[in-house]
Amino acid sequence: MVEDWLRHAQLRAANLYYLAGDPSPTHRERALAEMSKALREALEEVRVVAEQLRRDADVGKTKTRRDSPSPREQAISPPRHREPE
């Protein structure tokens, strides 16, 4: 899914780059407006993905805490006796 999104973004960027190089001011203005729109969309996509990753990390931390024994439940081992050297 990410590869498809990146491929589409690269194709869109190439088309806009071509349009921006057109001698017509109308085409250049349109290209600039489309580039701004593409940037806003990409930033929103990054924000959504970052938020999802944060939520997933929080769920993972919570699950790890629930699965690991509390300090009271952990077995206490007696100290090892060291042999004199």
N, C-alpha and C. Protein backbone atom coordinates (compact mmCIF):
# COMPACT_ATOMS: atom_id res chain seq x y z
N MET A 1 0.82 -1.18 0.00
CA MET A 1 0.00 0.00 0.00
C MET A 1 0.87 1.26 0.00
N VAL A 2 1.92 1.26 0.79
CA VAL A 2 2.81 2.42 0.85
C VAL A 2 3.54 2.58 -0.49
N GLU A 3 3.95 1.45 -1.08
CA GLU A 3 4.64 1.53 -2.36
C GLU A 3 3.74 2.13 -3.44
N ASP A 4 2.46 1.74 -3.43
CA ASP A 4 1.50 2.30 -4.40
C ASP A 4 1.35 3.80 -4.19
N TRP A 5 1.24 4.21 -2.93
CA TRP A 5 1.10 5.64 -2.62
C TRP A 5 2.33 6.41 -3.09
N LEU A 6 3.52 5.85 -2.82
CA LEU A 6 4.76 6.53 -3.24
C LEU A 6 4.86 6.59 -4.76
N ARG A 7 4.51 5.51 -5.43
CA ARG A 7 4.56 5.48 -6.89
C ARG A 7 3.62 6.55 -7.47
N HIS A 8 2.42 6.63 -6.93
CA HIS A 8 1.46 7.64 -7.38
C HIS A 8 1.99 9.05 -7.11
N ALA A 9 2.57 9.26 -5.94
CA ALA A 9 3.10 10.58 -5.59
C ALA A 9 4.25 10.97 -6.52
N GLN A 10 5.11 10.01 -6.87
CA GLN A 10 6.22 10.30 -7.78
C GLN A 10 5.72 10.65 -9.18
N LEU A 11 4.72 9.93 -9.64
CA LEU A 11 4.14 10.22 -10.95
C LEU A 11 3.48 11.59 -10.96
N ARG A 12 2.76 11.89 -9.90
CA ARG A 12 2.11 13.20 -9.77
C ARG A 12 3.16 14.31 -9.74
N ALA A 13 4.23 14.10 -8.99
CA ALA A 13 5.29 15.11 -8.91
C ALA A 13 5.94 15.32 -10.27
N ALA A 14 6.18 14.25 -11.01
CA ALA A 14 6.79 14.37 -12.33
C ALA A 14 5.88 15.16 -13.28
N ASN A 15 4.60 14.86 -13.24
CA ASN A 15 3.65 15.59 -14.09
C ASN A 15 3.60 17.08 -13.73
N LEU A 16 3.61 17.36 -12.43
CA LEU A 16 3.57 18.76 -12.00
C LEU A 16 4.87 19.49 -12.35
N TYR A 17 5.99 18.78 -12.26
CA TYR A 17 7.27 19.37 -12.63
C TYR A 17 7.26 19.76 -14.11
N TYR A 18 6.72 18.85 -14.93
CA TYR A 18 6.61 19.11 -16.36
C TYR A 18 5.69 20.32 -16.60
N LEU A 19 4.55 20.37 -15.91
CA LEU A 19 3.60 21.45 -16.06
C LEU A 19 4.20 22.79 -15.61
N ALA A 20 5.00 22.75 -14.54
CA ALA A 20 5.62 23.98 -14.01
C ALA A 20 6.63 24.55 -14.99
N GLY A 21 7.21 23.71 -15.84
CA GLY A 21 8.19 24.18 -16.82
C GLY A 21 7.57 24.76 -18.08
N ASP A 22 6.27 24.72 -18.16
CA ASP A 22 5.58 25.25 -19.33
C ASP A 22 5.74 26.78 -19.36
N PRO A 23 5.92 27.35 -20.55
CA PRO A 23 6.09 28.81 -20.63
C PRO A 23 4.82 29.60 -20.26
N SER A 24 3.68 28.96 -20.27
CA SER A 24 2.44 29.66 -19.98
C SER A 24 2.32 29.94 -18.48
N PRO A 25 2.11 31.20 -18.10
CA PRO A 25 1.93 31.52 -16.67
C PRO A 25 0.74 30.79 -16.06
N THR A 26 -0.28 30.55 -16.84
CA THR A 26 -1.46 29.85 -16.34
C THR A 26 -1.09 28.43 -15.92
N HIS A 27 -0.29 27.76 -16.75
CA HIS A 27 0.13 26.39 -16.41
C HIS A 27 1.04 26.38 -15.19
N ARG A 28 1.93 27.36 -15.11
CA ARG A 28 2.83 27.42 -13.94
C ARG A 28 2.04 27.68 -12.66
N GLU A 29 1.07 28.56 -12.72
CA GLU A 29 0.23 28.84 -11.54
C GLU A 29 -0.56 27.61 -11.13
N ARG A 30 -1.09 26.91 -12.12
CA ARG A 30 -1.84 25.68 -11.83
C ARG A 30 -0.92 24.64 -11.20
N ALA A 31 0.30 24.52 -11.75
CA ALA A 31 1.26 23.56 -11.20
C ALA A 31 1.60 23.90 -9.76
N LEU A 32 1.80 25.18 -9.47
CA LEU A 32 2.12 25.60 -8.10
C LEU A 32 0.96 25.29 -7.15
N ALA A 33 -0.25 25.57 -7.59
CA ALA A 33 -1.42 25.28 -6.76
C ALA A 33 -1.54 23.78 -6.51
N GLU A 34 -1.31 22.97 -7.54
CA GLU A 34 -1.38 21.51 -7.40
C GLU A 34 -0.26 20.98 -6.52
N MET A 35 0.93 21.58 -6.63
CA MET A 35 2.05 21.16 -5.77
C MET A 35 1.74 21.46 -4.31
N SER A 36 1.15 22.62 -4.05
CA SER A 36 0.76 22.96 -2.67
C SER A 36 -0.27 21.97 -2.14
N LYS A 37 -1.24 21.65 -2.98
CA LYS A 37 -2.27 20.68 -2.58
C LYS A 37 -1.64 19.31 -2.31
N ALA A 38 -0.73 18.90 -3.18
CA ALA A 38 -0.06 17.59 -3.01
C ALA A 38 0.74 17.57 -1.70
N LEU A 39 1.41 18.66 -1.40
CA LEU A 39 2.18 18.74 -0.15
C LEU A 39 1.26 18.63 1.06
N ARG A 40 0.15 19.36 1.05
CA ARG A 40 -0.81 19.28 2.17
C ARG A 40 -1.33 17.85 2.34
N GLU A 41 -1.66 17.20 1.22
CA GLU A 41 -2.15 15.82 1.28
C GLU A 41 -1.09 14.87 1.83
N ALA A 42 0.15 15.05 1.39
CA ALA A 42 1.24 14.19 1.87
C ALA A 42 1.48 14.39 3.37
N LEU A 43 1.45 15.64 3.80
CA LEU A 43 1.64 15.92 5.23
C LEU A 43 0.51 15.31 6.06
N GLU A 44 -0.70 15.37 5.56
CA GLU A 44 -1.83 14.76 6.27
C GLU A 44 -1.66 13.25 6.33
N GLU A 45 -1.22 12.66 5.24
CA GLU A 45 -1.00 11.21 5.22
C GLU A 45 0.07 10.81 6.24
N VAL A 46 1.15 11.57 6.30
CA VAL A 46 2.22 11.30 7.27
C VAL A 46 1.68 11.45 8.69
N ARG A 47 0.86 12.48 8.93
CA ARG A 47 0.29 12.68 10.26
C ARG A 47 -0.57 11.50 10.68
N VAL A 48 -1.41 11.01 9.75
CA VAL A 48 -2.29 9.88 10.05
C VAL A 48 -1.47 8.62 10.34
N VAL A 49 -0.45 8.37 9.53
CA VAL A 49 0.38 7.18 9.73
C VAL A 49 1.15 7.28 11.05
N ALA A 50 1.68 8.46 11.36
CA ALA A 50 2.41 8.65 12.62
C ALA A 50 1.48 8.44 13.82
N GLU A 51 0.27 8.94 13.72
CA GLU A 51 -0.71 8.75 14.80
C GLU A 51 -1.02 7.27 14.99
N GLN A 52 -1.20 6.56 13.90
CA GLN A 52 -1.48 5.12 13.98
C GLN A 52 -0.30 4.36 14.58
N LEU A 53 0.91 4.71 14.18
CA LEU A 53 2.10 4.06 14.75
C LEU A 53 2.20 4.34 16.25
N ARG A 54 1.89 5.57 16.65
CA ARG A 54 1.91 5.91 18.08
C ARG A 54 0.90 5.08 18.85
N ARG A 55 -0.31 4.97 18.30
CA ARG A 55 -1.35 4.16 18.96
C ARG A 55 -0.91 2.71 19.05
N ASP A 56 -0.36 2.18 17.97
CA ASP A 56 0.10 0.79 17.98
C ASP A 56 1.20 0.58 19.02
N ALA A 57 2.10 1.55 19.12
CA ALA A 57 3.18 1.44 20.11
C ALA A 57 2.61 1.48 21.52
N ASP A 58 1.63 2.34 21.76
CA ASP A 58 1.01 2.42 23.09
C ASP A 58 0.30 1.12 23.43
N VAL A 59 -0.39 0.53 22.46
CA VAL A 59 -1.06 -0.76 22.68
C VAL A 59 -0.03 -1.83 23.00
N GLY A 60 1.09 -1.81 22.27
CA GLY A 60 2.15 -2.79 22.51
C GLY A 60 2.75 -2.65 23.90
N LYS A 61 2.95 -1.40 24.33
CA LYS A 61 3.49 -1.17 25.68
C LYS A 61 2.51 -1.65 26.74
N THR A 62 1.23 -1.34 26.54
CA THR A 62 0.21 -1.75 27.50
C THR A 62 0.14 -3.27 27.57
N LYS A 63 0.19 -3.93 26.41
CA LYS A 63 0.13 -5.40 26.38
C LYS A 63 1.35 -5.99 27.07
N THR A 64 2.53 -5.40 26.84
CA THR A 64 3.75 -5.90 27.48
C THR A 64 3.64 -5.76 28.99
N ARG A 65 3.11 -4.65 29.44
CA ARG A 65 2.95 -4.45 30.89
C ARG A 65 1.98 -5.46 31.48
N ARG A 66 0.89 -5.73 30.74
CA ARG A 66 -0.10 -6.70 31.25
C ARG A 66 0.47 -8.11 31.25
N ASP A 67 1.28 -8.45 30.25
CA ASP A 67 1.81 -9.81 30.14
C ASP A 67 2.97 -10.06 31.09
N SER A 68 3.70 -9.03 31.47
CA SER A 68 4.84 -9.24 32.36
C SER A 68 4.35 -9.26 33.80
N PRO A 69 4.95 -10.10 34.61
CA PRO A 69 4.51 -10.19 36.01
C PRO A 69 4.82 -8.90 36.77
N SER A 70 3.95 -8.58 37.71
CA SER A 70 4.19 -7.40 38.53
C SER A 70 5.35 -7.73 39.47
N PRO A 71 5.96 -6.71 40.09
CA PRO A 71 7.08 -6.98 40.99
C PRO A 71 6.72 -7.98 42.10
N ARG A 72 5.47 -7.97 42.54
CA ARG A 72 5.06 -8.91 43.59
C ARG A 72 5.02 -10.34 43.07
N GLU A 73 4.70 -10.48 41.77
CA GLU A 73 4.57 -11.82 41.20
C GLU A 73 5.89 -12.41 40.75
N GLN A 74 6.92 -11.59 40.65
CA GLN A 74 8.20 -12.09 40.18
C GLN A 74 8.85 -12.95 41.25
N ALA A 75 9.43 -14.04 40.80
CA ALA A 75 10.11 -14.94 41.74
C ALA A 75 11.38 -14.27 42.24
N ILE A 76 11.64 -14.44 43.52
CA ILE A 76 12.85 -13.89 44.10
C ILE A 76 13.83 -15.03 44.28
N SER A 77 14.99 -14.88 43.69
CA SER A 77 16.02 -15.91 43.79
C SER A 77 16.96 -15.55 44.93
N PRO A 78 17.38 -16.55 45.64
CA PRO A 78 18.36 -16.25 46.70
C PRO A 78 19.67 -15.84 46.05
N PRO A 79 20.45 -15.03 46.75
CA PRO A 79 21.73 -14.62 46.17
C PRO A 79 22.64 -15.83 46.00
N ARG A 80 23.43 -15.79 44.96
CA ARG A 80 24.38 -16.90 44.72
C ARG A 80 25.55 -16.77 45.67
N HIS A 81 25.97 -17.91 46.15
CA HIS A 81 27.14 -17.94 47.01
C HIS A 81 28.37 -18.01 46.12
N ARG A 82 29.29 -17.10 46.35
CA ARG A 82 30.52 -17.11 45.53
C ARG A 82 31.57 -17.93 46.22
N GLU A 83 32.24 -18.72 45.45
CA GLU A 83 33.36 -19.52 45.96
C GLU A 83 34.57 -18.62 46.14
N PRO A 84 35.32 -18.78 47.22
CA PRO A 84 36.54 -17.99 47.40
C PRO A 84 37.55 -18.37 46.31
N GLU A 85 38.28 -17.42 45.85
CA GLU A 85 39.27 -17.67 44.79
C GLU A 85 40.60 -18.02 45.33
